[in-house]
Amino acid sequence: MAIEVRIPTILRTYTDSAKAVEGSGATIDELFKDLDARHPGIRARLVDDKGELRRFVNVYLNDEDVRFLGGIGTELGDGDSVTILPAVAGGAAGAELRPHGVVVG
């Protein structure tokens, strides 16, 4: 079963700069294990020691957040698309954005 996985820039060092790779598996967990066999080290960046998605990693199955579908056990089908995105946080408390993108605070 072929599944397209879109890789964020920060993880492309594991995929030889590929923006998307193919993987296989019946669940997100199996897919990540398959990816790790092809791209060693990538799974550790996605899953913690308890086998759960890392807090600052978002994974989408066909544009649906897998945390609301079944987490790492979310089932996959042939032709599905998985997108991995790092969570984005930003801004300092009390900082104020001024014209032209200058942050003051």
PDB file of N, CA and C in Angstrom:
ATOM      1  N   MET A   1       0.844  -1.164   0.000  1.00  0.00           N
ATOM      2  CA  MET A   1       0.000   0.000   0.000  1.00  0.00           C
ATOM      3  C   MET A   1       0.896   1.236   0.000  1.00  0.00           C
ATOM      4  N   ALA A   2       0.731   2.097  -0.959  1.00  0.00           N
ATOM      5  CA  ALA A   2       1.563   3.292  -1.099  1.00  0.00           C
ATOM      6  C   ALA A   2       0.899   4.495  -0.429  1.00  0.00           C
ATOM      7  N   ILE A   3       1.672   5.162   0.411  1.00  0.00           N
ATOM      8  CA  ILE A   3       1.203   6.350   1.113  1.00  0.00           C
ATOM      9  C   ILE A   3       2.224   7.455   0.887  1.00  0.00           C
ATOM     10  N   GLU A   4       1.757   8.610   0.431  1.00  0.00           N
ATOM     11  CA  GLU A   4       2.651   9.743   0.255  1.00  0.00           C
ATOM     12  C   GLU A   4       2.801  10.464   1.592  1.00  0.00           C
ATOM     13  N   VAL A   5       4.043  10.763   1.954  1.00  0.00           N
ATOM     14  CA  VAL A   5       4.328  11.472   3.198  1.00  0.00           C
ATOM     15  C   VAL A   5       5.048  12.761   2.849  1.00  0.00           C
ATOM     16  N   ARG A   6       4.446  13.892   3.209  1.00  0.00           N
ATOM     17  CA  ARG A   6       5.072  15.193   2.982  1.00  0.00           C
ATOM     18  C   ARG A   6       5.946  15.529   4.182  1.00  0.00           C
ATOM     19  N   ILE A   7       7.194  15.876   3.876  1.00  0.00           N
ATOM     20  CA  ILE A   7       8.219  16.075   4.898  1.00  0.00           C
ATOM     21  C   ILE A   7       8.510  17.564   5.079  1.00  0.00           C
ATOM     22  N   PRO A   8       8.500  18.059   6.331  1.00  0.00           N
ATOM     23  CA  PRO A   8       8.829  19.473   6.541  1.00  0.00           C
ATOM     24  C   PRO A   8      10.329  19.711   6.344  1.00  0.00           C
ATOM     25  N   THR A   9      10.678  20.928   6.043  1.00  0.00           N
ATOM     26  CA  THR A   9      12.070  21.294   5.770  1.00  0.00           C
ATOM     27  C   THR A   9      13.013  20.809   6.864  1.00  0.00           C
ATOM     28  N   ILE A  10      12.624  20.958   8.110  1.00  0.00           N
ATOM     29  CA  ILE A  10      13.506  20.614   9.221  1.00  0.00           C
ATOM     30  C   ILE A  10      13.859  19.121   9.267  1.00  0.00           C
ATOM     31  N   LEU A  11      13.053  18.262   8.660  1.00  0.00           N
ATOM     32  CA  LEU A  11      13.325  16.821   8.664  1.00  0.00           C
ATOM     33  C   LEU A  11      13.885  16.305   7.345  1.00  0.00           C
ATOM     34  N   ARG A  12      14.079  17.169   6.389  1.00  0.00           N
ATOM     35  CA  ARG A  12      14.548  16.719   5.069  1.00  0.00           C
ATOM     36  C   ARG A  12      15.988  16.242   5.067  1.00  0.00           C
ATOM     37  N   THR A  13      16.743  16.505   6.128  1.00  0.00           N
ATOM     38  CA  THR A  13      18.093  15.953   6.215  1.00  0.00           C
ATOM     39  C   THR A  13      18.036  14.430   6.292  1.00  0.00           C
ATOM     40  N   TYR A  14      16.916  13.896   6.760  1.00  0.00           N
ATOM     41  CA  TYR A  14      16.742  12.443   6.845  1.00  0.00           C
ATOM     42  C   TYR A  14      16.307  11.839   5.516  1.00  0.00           C
ATOM     43  N   THR A  15      15.756  12.660   4.622  1.00  0.00           N
ATOM     44  CA  THR A  15      15.200  12.148   3.361  1.00  0.00           C
ATOM     45  C   THR A  15      15.987  12.630   2.141  1.00  0.00           C
ATOM     46  N   ASP A  16      17.258  12.964   2.351  1.00  0.00           N
ATOM     47  CA  ASP A  16      18.091  13.473   1.253  1.00  0.00           C
ATOM     48  C   ASP A  16      17.430  14.653   0.550  1.00  0.00           C
ATOM     49  N   SER A  17      16.842  15.536   1.320  1.00  0.00           N
ATOM     50  CA  SER A  17      16.195  16.771   0.866  1.00  0.00           C
ATOM     51  C   SER A  17      14.869  16.570   0.138  1.00  0.00           C
ATOM     52  N   ALA A  18      14.352  15.351   0.116  1.00  0.00           N
ATOM     53  CA  ALA A  18      13.070  15.093  -0.552  1.00  0.00           C
ATOM     54  C   ALA A  18      11.928  15.756   0.213  1.00  0.00           C
ATOM     55  N   LYS A  19      11.056  16.453  -0.520  1.00  0.00           N
ATOM     56  CA  LYS A  19       9.891  17.109   0.071  1.00  0.00           C
ATOM     57  C   LYS A  19       8.789  16.111   0.381  1.00  0.00           C
ATOM     58  N   ALA A  20       8.776  15.015  -0.349  1.00  0.00           N
ATOM     59  CA  ALA A  20       7.777  13.972  -0.148  1.00  0.00           C
ATOM     60  C   ALA A  20       8.426  12.620  -0.413  1.00  0.00           C
ATOM     61  N   VAL A  21       8.014  11.628   0.359  1.00  0.00           N
ATOM     62  CA  VAL A  21       8.518  10.271   0.186  1.00  0.00           C
ATOM     63  C   VAL A  21       7.328   9.320   0.242  1.00  0.00           C
ATOM     64  N   GLU A  22       7.540   8.109  -0.225  1.00  0.00           N
ATOM     65  CA  GLU A  22       6.497   7.089  -0.120  1.00  0.00           C
ATOM     66  C   GLU A  22       6.820   6.157   1.020  1.00  0.00           C
ATOM     67  N   GLY A  23       5.775   5.684   1.645  1.00  0.00           N
ATOM     68  CA  GLY A  23       5.929   4.720   2.722  1.00  0.00           C
ATOM     69  C   GLY A  23       4.762   3.768   2.691  1.00  0.00           C
ATOM     70  N   SER A  24       4.790   2.809   3.624  1.00  0.00           N
ATOM     71  CA  SER A  24       3.680   1.865   3.703  1.00  0.00           C
ATOM     72  C   SER A  24       3.439   1.495   5.156  1.00  0.00           C
ATOM     73  N   GLY A  25       2.239   1.024   5.414  1.00  0.00           N
ATOM     74  CA  GLY A  25       1.856   0.602   6.751  1.00  0.00           C
ATOM     75  C   GLY A  25       0.359   0.695   6.908  1.00  0.00           C
ATOM     76  N   ALA A  26      -0.172  -0.104   7.822  1.00  0.00           N
ATOM     77  CA  ALA A  26      -1.607  -0.110   8.071  1.00  0.00           C
ATOM     78  C   ALA A  26      -2.022   0.985   9.046  1.00  0.00           C
ATOM     79  N   THR A  27      -1.050   1.509   9.804  1.00  0.00           N
ATOM     80  CA  THR A  27      -1.308   2.576  10.770  1.00  0.00           C
ATOM     81  C   THR A  27      -0.204   3.630  10.665  1.00  0.00           C
ATOM     82  N   ILE A  28      -0.411   4.753  11.312  1.00  0.00           N
ATOM     83  CA  ILE A  28       0.620   5.798  11.360  1.00  0.00           C
ATOM     84  C   ILE A  28       1.893   5.224  11.975  1.00  0.00           C
ATOM     85  N   ASP A  29       1.760   4.459  13.041  1.00  0.00           N
ATOM     86  CA  ASP A  29       2.934   3.866  13.697  1.00  0.00           C
ATOM     87  C   ASP A  29       3.708   2.969  12.735  1.00  0.00           C
ATOM     88  N   GLU A  30       3.017   2.108  12.011  1.00  0.00           N
ATOM     89  CA  GLU A  30       3.689   1.235  11.038  1.00  0.00           C
ATOM     90  C   GLU A  30       4.338   2.054   9.924  1.00  0.00           C
ATOM     91  N   LEU A  31       3.665   3.114   9.502  1.00  0.00           N
ATOM     92  CA  LEU A  31       4.229   3.993   8.484  1.00  0.00           C
ATOM     93  C   LEU A  31       5.530   4.609   8.977  1.00  0.00           C
ATOM     94  N   PHE A  32       5.546   5.111  10.223  1.00  0.00           N
ATOM     95  CA  PHE A  32       6.756   5.717  10.771  1.00  0.00           C
ATOM     96  C   PHE A  32       7.883   4.695  10.902  1.00  0.00           C
ATOM     97  N   LYS A  33       7.550   3.456  11.233  1.00  0.00           N
ATOM     98  CA  LYS A  33       8.578   2.402  11.305  1.00  0.00           C
ATOM     99  C   LYS A  33       9.136   2.112   9.917  1.00  0.00           C
ATOM    100  N   ASP A  34       8.264   2.098   8.912  1.00  0.00           N
ATOM    101  CA  ASP A  34       8.705   1.893   7.534  1.00  0.00           C
ATOM    102  C   ASP A  34       9.594   3.052   7.080  1.00  0.00           C
ATOM    103  N   LEU A  35       9.188   4.277   7.399  1.00  0.00           N
ATOM    104  CA  LEU A  35      10.007   5.434   7.045  1.00  0.00           C
ATOM    105  C   LEU A  35      11.369   5.357   7.709  1.00  0.00           C
ATOM    106  N   ASP A  36      11.400   4.925   8.955  1.00  0.00           N
ATOM    107  CA  ASP A  36      12.667   4.840   9.680  1.00  0.00           C
ATOM    108  C   ASP A  36      13.597   3.792   9.073  1.00  0.00           C
ATOM    109  N   ALA A  37      13.027   2.729   8.528  1.00  0.00           N
ATOM    110  CA  ALA A  37      13.845   1.711   7.857  1.00  0.00           C
ATOM    111  C   ALA A  37      14.491   2.287   6.595  1.00  0.00           C
ATOM    112  N   ARG A  38      13.790   3.188   5.939  1.00  0.00           N
ATOM    113  CA  ARG A  38      14.295   3.807   4.707  1.00  0.00           C
ATOM    114  C   ARG A  38      15.111   5.072   4.977  1.00  0.00           C
ATOM    115  N   HIS A  39      14.770   5.762   6.067  1.00  0.00           N
ATOM    116  CA  HIS A  39      15.393   7.042   6.419  1.00  0.00           C
ATOM    117  C   HIS A  39      15.724   7.008   7.916  1.00  0.00           C
ATOM    118  N   PRO A  40      16.789   6.300   8.288  1.00  0.00           N
ATOM    119  CA  PRO A  40      17.123   6.092   9.704  1.00  0.00           C
ATOM    120  C   PRO A  40      17.172   7.389  10.519  1.00  0.00           C
ATOM    121  N   GLY A  41      16.514   7.321  11.689  1.00  0.00           N
ATOM    122  CA  GLY A  41      16.510   8.435  12.620  1.00  0.00           C
ATOM    123  C   GLY A  41      15.272   9.301  12.570  1.00  0.00           C
ATOM    124  N   ILE A  42      14.488   9.189  11.519  1.00  0.00           N
ATOM    125  CA  ILE A  42      13.334  10.085  11.384  1.00  0.00           C
ATOM    126  C   ILE A  42      12.242   9.778  12.414  1.00  0.00           C
ATOM    127  N   ARG A  43      12.035   8.504  12.727  1.00  0.00           N
ATOM    128  CA  ARG A  43      10.971   8.137  13.672  1.00  0.00           C
ATOM    129  C   ARG A  43      11.213   8.754  15.049  1.00  0.00           C
ATOM    130  N   ALA A  44      12.461   8.778  15.487  1.00  0.00           N
ATOM    131  CA  ALA A  44      12.783   9.336  16.800  1.00  0.00           C
ATOM    132  C   ALA A  44      12.451  10.824  16.887  1.00  0.00           C
ATOM    133  N   ARG A  45      12.409  11.487  15.764  1.00  0.00           N
ATOM    134  CA  ARG A  45      12.038  12.909  15.742  1.00  0.00           C
ATOM    135  C   ARG A  45      10.523  13.097  15.806  1.00  0.00           C
ATOM    136  N   LEU A  46       9.769  12.032  15.537  1.00  0.00           N
ATOM    137  CA  LEU A  46       8.316  12.118  15.479  1.00  0.00           C
ATOM    138  C   LEU A  46       7.611  11.512  16.684  1.00  0.00           C
ATOM    139  N   VAL A  47       8.239  10.484  17.269  1.00  0.00           N
ATOM    140  CA  VAL A  47       7.622   9.697  18.329  1.00  0.00           C
ATOM    141  C   VAL A  47       8.525   9.704  19.560  1.00  0.00           C
ATOM    142  N   ASP A  48       7.919   9.847  20.740  1.00  0.00           N
ATOM    143  CA  ASP A  48       8.712   9.860  21.975  1.00  0.00           C
ATOM    144  C   ASP A  48       8.994   8.441  22.469  1.00  0.00           C
ATOM    145  N   ASP A  49       9.663   8.333  23.620  1.00  0.00           N
ATOM    146  CA  ASP A  49      10.041   7.032  24.182  1.00  0.00           C
ATOM    147  C   ASP A  49       8.845   6.169  24.579  1.00  0.00           C
ATOM    148  N   LYS A  50       7.690   6.803  24.784  1.00  0.00           N
ATOM    149  CA  LYS A  50       6.470   6.076  25.148  1.00  0.00           C
ATOM    150  C   LYS A  50       5.697   5.606  23.925  1.00  0.00           C
ATOM    151  N   GLY A  51       6.204   5.949  22.735  1.00  0.00           N
ATOM    152  CA  GLY A  51       5.527   5.539  21.512  1.00  0.00           C
ATOM    153  C   GLY A  51       4.407   6.468  21.092  1.00  0.00           C
ATOM    154  N   GLU A  52       4.365   7.669  21.656  1.00  0.00           N
ATOM    155  CA  GLU A  52       3.344   8.657  21.308  1.00  0.00           C
ATOM    156  C   GLU A  52       3.946   9.756  20.445  1.00  0.00           C
ATOM    157  N   LEU A  53       3.091  10.437  19.696  1.00  0.00           N
ATOM    158  CA  LEU A  53       3.567  11.568  18.910  1.00  0.00           C
ATOM    159  C   LEU A  53       4.206  12.596  19.824  1.00  0.00           C
ATOM    160  N   ARG A  54       5.320  13.142  19.386  1.00  0.00           N
ATOM    161  CA  ARG A  54       5.954  14.199  20.158  1.00  0.00           C
ATOM    162  C   ARG A  54       5.011  15.400  20.231  1.00  0.00           C
ATOM    163  N   ARG A  55       5.113  16.123  21.311  1.00  0.00           N
ATOM    164  CA  ARG A  55       4.205  17.230  21.584  1.00  0.00           C
ATOM    165  C   ARG A  55       4.207  18.292  20.489  1.00  0.00           C
ATOM    166  N   PHE A  56       5.369  18.583  19.944  1.00  0.00           N
ATOM    167  CA  PHE A  56       5.469  19.669  18.970  1.00  0.00           C
ATOM    168  C   PHE A  56       5.534  19.167  17.529  1.00  0.00           C
ATOM    169  N   VAL A  57       4.933  18.014  17.285  1.00  0.00           N
ATOM    170  CA  VAL A  57       4.838  17.478  15.929  1.00  0.00           C
ATOM    171  C   VAL A  57       3.357  17.289  15.616  1.00  0.00           C
ATOM    172  N   ASN A  58       2.927  17.840  14.505  1.00  0.00           N
ATOM    173  CA  ASN A  58       1.547  17.655  14.052  1.00  0.00           C
ATOM    174  C   ASN A  58       1.568  16.744  12.832  1.00  0.00           C
ATOM    175  N   VAL A  59       0.669  15.777  12.829  1.00  0.00           N
ATOM    176  CA  VAL A  59       0.569  14.834  11.715  1.00  0.00           C
ATOM    177  C   VAL A  59      -0.864  14.856  11.211  1.00  0.00           C
ATOM    178  N   TYR A  60      -1.000  15.007   9.905  1.00  0.00           N
ATOM    179  CA  TYR A  60      -2.317  15.085   9.274  1.00  0.00           C
ATOM    180  C   TYR A  60      -2.482  13.945   8.285  1.00  0.00           C
ATOM    181  N   LEU A  61      -3.625  13.284   8.350  1.00  0.00           N
ATOM    182  CA  LEU A  61      -3.994  12.255   7.395  1.00  0.00           C
ATOM    183  C   LEU A  61      -5.076  12.855   6.518  1.00  0.00           C
ATOM    184  N   ASN A  62      -4.752  13.066   5.249  1.00  0.00           N
ATOM    185  CA  ASN A  62      -5.719  13.683   4.327  1.00  0.00           C
ATOM    186  C   ASN A  62      -6.334  14.943   4.936  1.00  0.00           C
ATOM    187  N   ASP A  63      -5.501  15.797   5.511  1.00  0.00           N
ATOM    188  CA  ASP A  63      -5.885  17.083   6.097  1.00  0.00           C
ATOM    189  C   ASP A  63      -6.617  16.992   7.429  1.00  0.00           C
ATOM    190  N   GLU A  64      -6.675  15.818   8.046  1.00  0.00           N
ATOM    191  CA  GLU A  64      -7.286  15.655   9.369  1.00  0.00           C
ATOM    192  C   GLU A  64      -6.185  15.374  10.384  1.00  0.00           C
ATOM    193  N   ASP A  65      -6.196  16.088  11.503  1.00  0.00           N
ATOM    194  CA  ASP A  65      -5.211  15.901  12.562  1.00  0.00           C
ATOM    195  C   ASP A  65      -5.383  14.506  13.166  1.00  0.00           C
ATOM    196  N   VAL A  66      -4.325  13.687  13.135  1.00  0.00           N
ATOM    197  CA  VAL A  66      -4.447  12.314  13.618  1.00  0.00           C
ATOM    198  C   VAL A  66      -4.686  12.238  15.121  1.00  0.00           C
ATOM    199  N   ARG A  67      -4.387  13.297  15.849  1.00  0.00           N
ATOM    200  CA  ARG A  67      -4.664  13.294  17.295  1.00  0.00           C
ATOM    201  C   ARG A  67      -6.163  13.169  17.559  1.00  0.00           C
ATOM    202  N   PHE A  68      -6.978  13.599  16.599  1.00  0.00           N
ATOM    203  CA  PHE A  68      -8.424  13.519  16.753  1.00  0.00           C
ATOM    204  C   PHE A  68      -9.011  12.297  16.052  1.00  0.00           C
ATOM    205  N   LEU A  69      -8.168  11.521  15.399  1.00  0.00           N
ATOM    206  CA  LEU A  69      -8.633  10.339  14.676  1.00  0.00           C
ATOM    207  C   LEU A  69      -8.309   9.045  15.423  1.00  0.00           C
ATOM    208  N   GLY A  70      -7.184   8.963  16.047  1.00  0.00           N
ATOM    209  CA  GLY A  70      -6.765   7.731  16.712  1.00  0.00           C
ATOM    210  C   GLY A  70      -5.284   7.761  17.040  1.00  0.00           C
ATOM    211  N   GLY A  71      -4.707   8.942  16.928  1.00  0.00           N
ATOM    212  CA  GLY A  71      -3.291   9.090  17.264  1.00  0.00           C
ATOM    213  C   GLY A  71      -2.401   8.242  16.376  1.00  0.00           C
ATOM    214  N   ILE A  72      -1.377   7.702  16.972  1.00  0.00           N
ATOM    215  CA  ILE A  72      -0.394   6.927  16.229  1.00  0.00           C
ATOM    216  C   ILE A  72      -0.979   5.615  15.706  1.00  0.00           C
ATOM    217  N   GLY A  73      -2.122   5.214  16.265  1.00  0.00           N
ATOM    218  CA  GLY A  73      -2.800   4.000  15.813  1.00  0.00           C
ATOM    219  C   GLY A  73      -3.788   4.239  14.684  1.00  0.00           C
ATOM    220  N   THR A  74      -3.861   5.467  14.192  1.00  0.00           N
ATOM    221  CA  THR A  74      -4.788   5.809  13.110  1.00  0.00           C
ATOM    222  C   THR A  74      -4.543   4.909  11.905  1.00  0.00           C
ATOM    223  N   GLU A  75      -5.597   4.320  11.402  1.00  0.00           N
ATOM    224  CA  GLU A  75      -5.484   3.405  10.257  1.00  0.00           C
ATOM    225  C   GLU A  75      -5.311   4.170   8.957  1.00  0.00           C
ATOM    226  N   LEU A  76      -4.535   3.575   8.059  1.00  0.00           N
ATOM    227  CA  LEU A  76      -4.241   4.170   6.757  1.00  0.00           C
ATOM    228  C   LEU A  76      -4.789   3.306   5.640  1.00  0.00           C
ATOM    229  N   GLY A  77      -5.025   3.939   4.499  1.00  0.00           N
ATOM    230  CA  GLY A  77      -5.475   3.221   3.318  1.00  0.00           C
ATOM    231  C   GLY A  77      -4.589   3.546   2.127  1.00  0.00           C
ATOM    232  N   ASP A  78      -4.645   2.703   1.133  1.00  0.00           N
ATOM    233  CA  ASP A  78      -3.852   2.907  -0.074  1.00  0.00           C
ATOM    234  C   ASP A  78      -4.205   4.256  -0.692  1.00  0.00           C
ATOM    235  N   GLY A  79      -3.184   5.032  -1.029  1.00  0.00           N
ATOM    236  CA  GLY A  79      -3.394   6.322  -1.651  1.00  0.00           C
ATOM    237  C   GLY A  79      -3.568   7.478  -0.673  1.00  0.00           C
ATOM    238  N   ASP A  80      -3.550   7.186   0.633  1.00  0.00           N
ATOM    239  CA  ASP A  80      -3.657   8.256   1.617  1.00  0.00           C
ATOM    240  C   ASP A  80      -2.451   9.179   1.533  1.00  0.00           C
ATOM    241  N   SER A  81      -2.639  10.372   2.052  1.00  0.00           N
ATOM    242  CA  SER A  81      -1.566  11.357   2.109  1.00  0.00           C
ATOM    243  C   SER A  81      -1.369  11.768   3.563  1.00  0.00           C
ATOM    244  N   VAL A  82      -0.118  11.714   4.021  1.00  0.00           N
ATOM    245  CA  VAL A  82       0.221  12.094   5.392  1.00  0.00           C
ATOM    246  C   VAL A  82       1.148  13.297   5.324  1.00  0.00           C
ATOM    247  N   THR A  83       0.823  14.306   6.099  1.00  0.00           N
ATOM    248  CA  THR A  83       1.644  15.512   6.169  1.00  0.00           C
ATOM    249  C   THR A  83       2.177  15.653   7.581  1.00  0.00           C
ATOM    250  N   ILE A  84       3.492  15.850   7.688  1.00  0.00           N
ATOM    251  CA  ILE A  84       4.137  16.068   8.985  1.00  0.00           C
ATOM    252  C   ILE A  84       4.491  17.551   9.062  1.00  0.00           C
ATOM    253  N   LEU A  85       4.045  18.194  10.139  1.00  0.00           N
ATOM    254  CA  LEU A  85       4.340  19.614  10.322  1.00  0.00           C
ATOM    255  C   LEU A  85       4.839  19.856  11.735  1.00  0.00           C
ATOM    256  N   PRO A  86       5.922  20.607  11.871  1.00  0.00           N
ATOM    257  CA  PRO A  86       6.330  20.992  13.224  1.00  0.00           C
ATOM    258  C   PRO A  86       5.346  22.032  13.739  1.00  0.00           C
ATOM    259  N   ALA A  87       5.030  21.955  15.025  1.00  0.00           N
ATOM    260  CA  ALA A  87       4.158  22.964  15.619  1.00  0.00           C
ATOM    261  C   ALA A  87       4.899  24.289  15.627  1.00  0.00           C
ATOM    262  N   VAL A  88       4.153  25.353  15.450  1.00  0.00           N
ATOM    263  CA  VAL A  88       4.757  26.671  15.408  1.00  0.00           C
ATOM    264  C   VAL A  88       4.308  27.451  16.633  1.00  0.00           C
ATOM    265  N   ALA A  89       5.274  27.959  17.355  1.00  0.00           N
ATOM    266  CA  ALA A  89       5.002  28.834  18.491  1.00  0.00           C
ATOM    267  C   ALA A  89       5.842  30.074  18.272  1.00  0.00           C
ATOM    268  N   GLY A  90       5.414  31.141  18.813  1.00  0.00           N
ATOM    269  CA  GLY A  90       6.242  32.307  18.599  1.00  0.00           C
ATOM    270  C   GLY A  90       5.793  33.499  19.394  1.00  0.00           C
ATOM    271  N   GLY A  91       6.631  34.489  19.325  1.00  0.00           N
ATOM    272  CA  GLY A  91       6.346  35.739  20.004  1.00  0.00           C
ATOM    273  C   GLY A  91       6.734  35.680  21.457  1.00  0.00           C
ATOM    274  N   ALA A  92       7.217  36.754  21.921  1.00  0.00           N
ATOM    275  CA  ALA A  92       7.566  36.876  23.329  1.00  0.00           C
ATOM    276  C   ALA A  92       6.415  37.568  24.038  1.00  0.00           C
ATOM    277  N   ALA A  93       6.163  37.158  25.251  1.00  0.00           N
ATOM    278  CA  ALA A  93       5.099  37.797  26.019  1.00  0.00           C
ATOM    279  C   ALA A  93       5.405  39.273  26.159  1.00  0.00           C
ATOM    280  N   GLY A  94       4.438  40.094  25.888  1.00  0.00           N
ATOM    281  CA  GLY A  94       4.618  41.526  26.020  1.00  0.00           C
ATOM    282  C   GLY A  94       5.260  42.190  24.811  1.00  0.00           C
ATOM    283  N   ALA A  95       5.658  41.389  23.819  1.00  0.00           N
ATOM    284  CA  ALA A  95       6.277  41.969  22.625  1.00  0.00           C
ATOM    285  C   ALA A  95       5.193  42.604  21.768  1.00  0.00           C
ATOM    286  N   GLU A  96       5.556  43.610  21.064  1.00  0.00           N
ATOM    287  CA  GLU A  96       4.612  44.330  20.224  1.00  0.00           C
ATOM    288  C   GLU A  96       5.208  44.424  18.819  1.00  0.00           C
ATOM    289  N   LEU A  97       4.399  44.108  17.820  1.00  0.00           N
ATOM    290  CA  LEU A  97       4.856  44.158  16.437  1.00  0.00           C
ATOM    291  C   LEU A  97       4.614  45.550  15.891  1.00  0.00           C
ATOM    292  N   ARG A  98       5.668  46.155  15.416  1.00  0.00           N
ATOM    293  CA  ARG A  98       5.572  47.501  14.850  1.00  0.00           C
ATOM    294  C   ARG A  98       5.593  47.395  13.332  1.00  0.00           C
ATOM    295  N   PRO A  99       5.265  48.464  12.619  1.00  0.00           N
ATOM    296  CA  PRO A  99       5.308  48.436  11.160  1.00  0.00           C
ATOM    297  C   PRO A  99       6.649  47.922  10.644  1.00  0.00           C
ATOM    298  N   HIS A 100       6.617  47.265   9.527  1.00  0.00           N
ATOM    299  CA  HIS A 100       7.779  46.692   8.849  1.00  0.00           C
ATOM    300  C   HIS A 100       8.372  45.511   9.609  1.00  0.00           C
ATOM    301  N   GLY A 101       7.583  44.862  10.481  1.00  0.00           N
ATOM    302  CA  GLY A 101       8.006  43.639  11.122  1.00  0.00           C
ATOM    303  C   GLY A 101       9.018  43.792  12.239  1.00  0.00           C
ATOM    304  N   VAL A 102       9.189  44.986  12.786  1.00  0.00           N
ATOM    305  CA  VAL A 102      10.131  45.211  13.863  1.00  0.00           C
ATOM    306  C   VAL A 102       9.451  44.868  15.181  1.00  0.00           C
ATOM    307  N   VAL A 103      10.052  43.968  15.948  1.00  0.00           N
ATOM    308  CA  VAL A 103       9.488  43.568  17.224  1.00  0.00           C
ATOM    309  C   VAL A 103      10.137  44.394  18.321  1.00  0.00           C
ATOM    310  N   VAL A 104       9.302  44.963  19.166  1.00  0.00           N
ATOM    311  CA  VAL A 104       9.791  45.778  20.268  1.00  0.00           C
ATOM    312  C   VAL A 104       9.228  45.202  21.549  1.00  0.00           C
ATOM    313  N   GLY A 105      10.027  45.118  22.572  1.00  0.00           N
ATOM    314  CA  GLY A 105       9.475  44.652  23.838  1.00  0.00           C
ATOM    315  C   GLY A 105      10.453  43.895  24.550  1.00  0.00           C
TER     316      GLY A 105
END
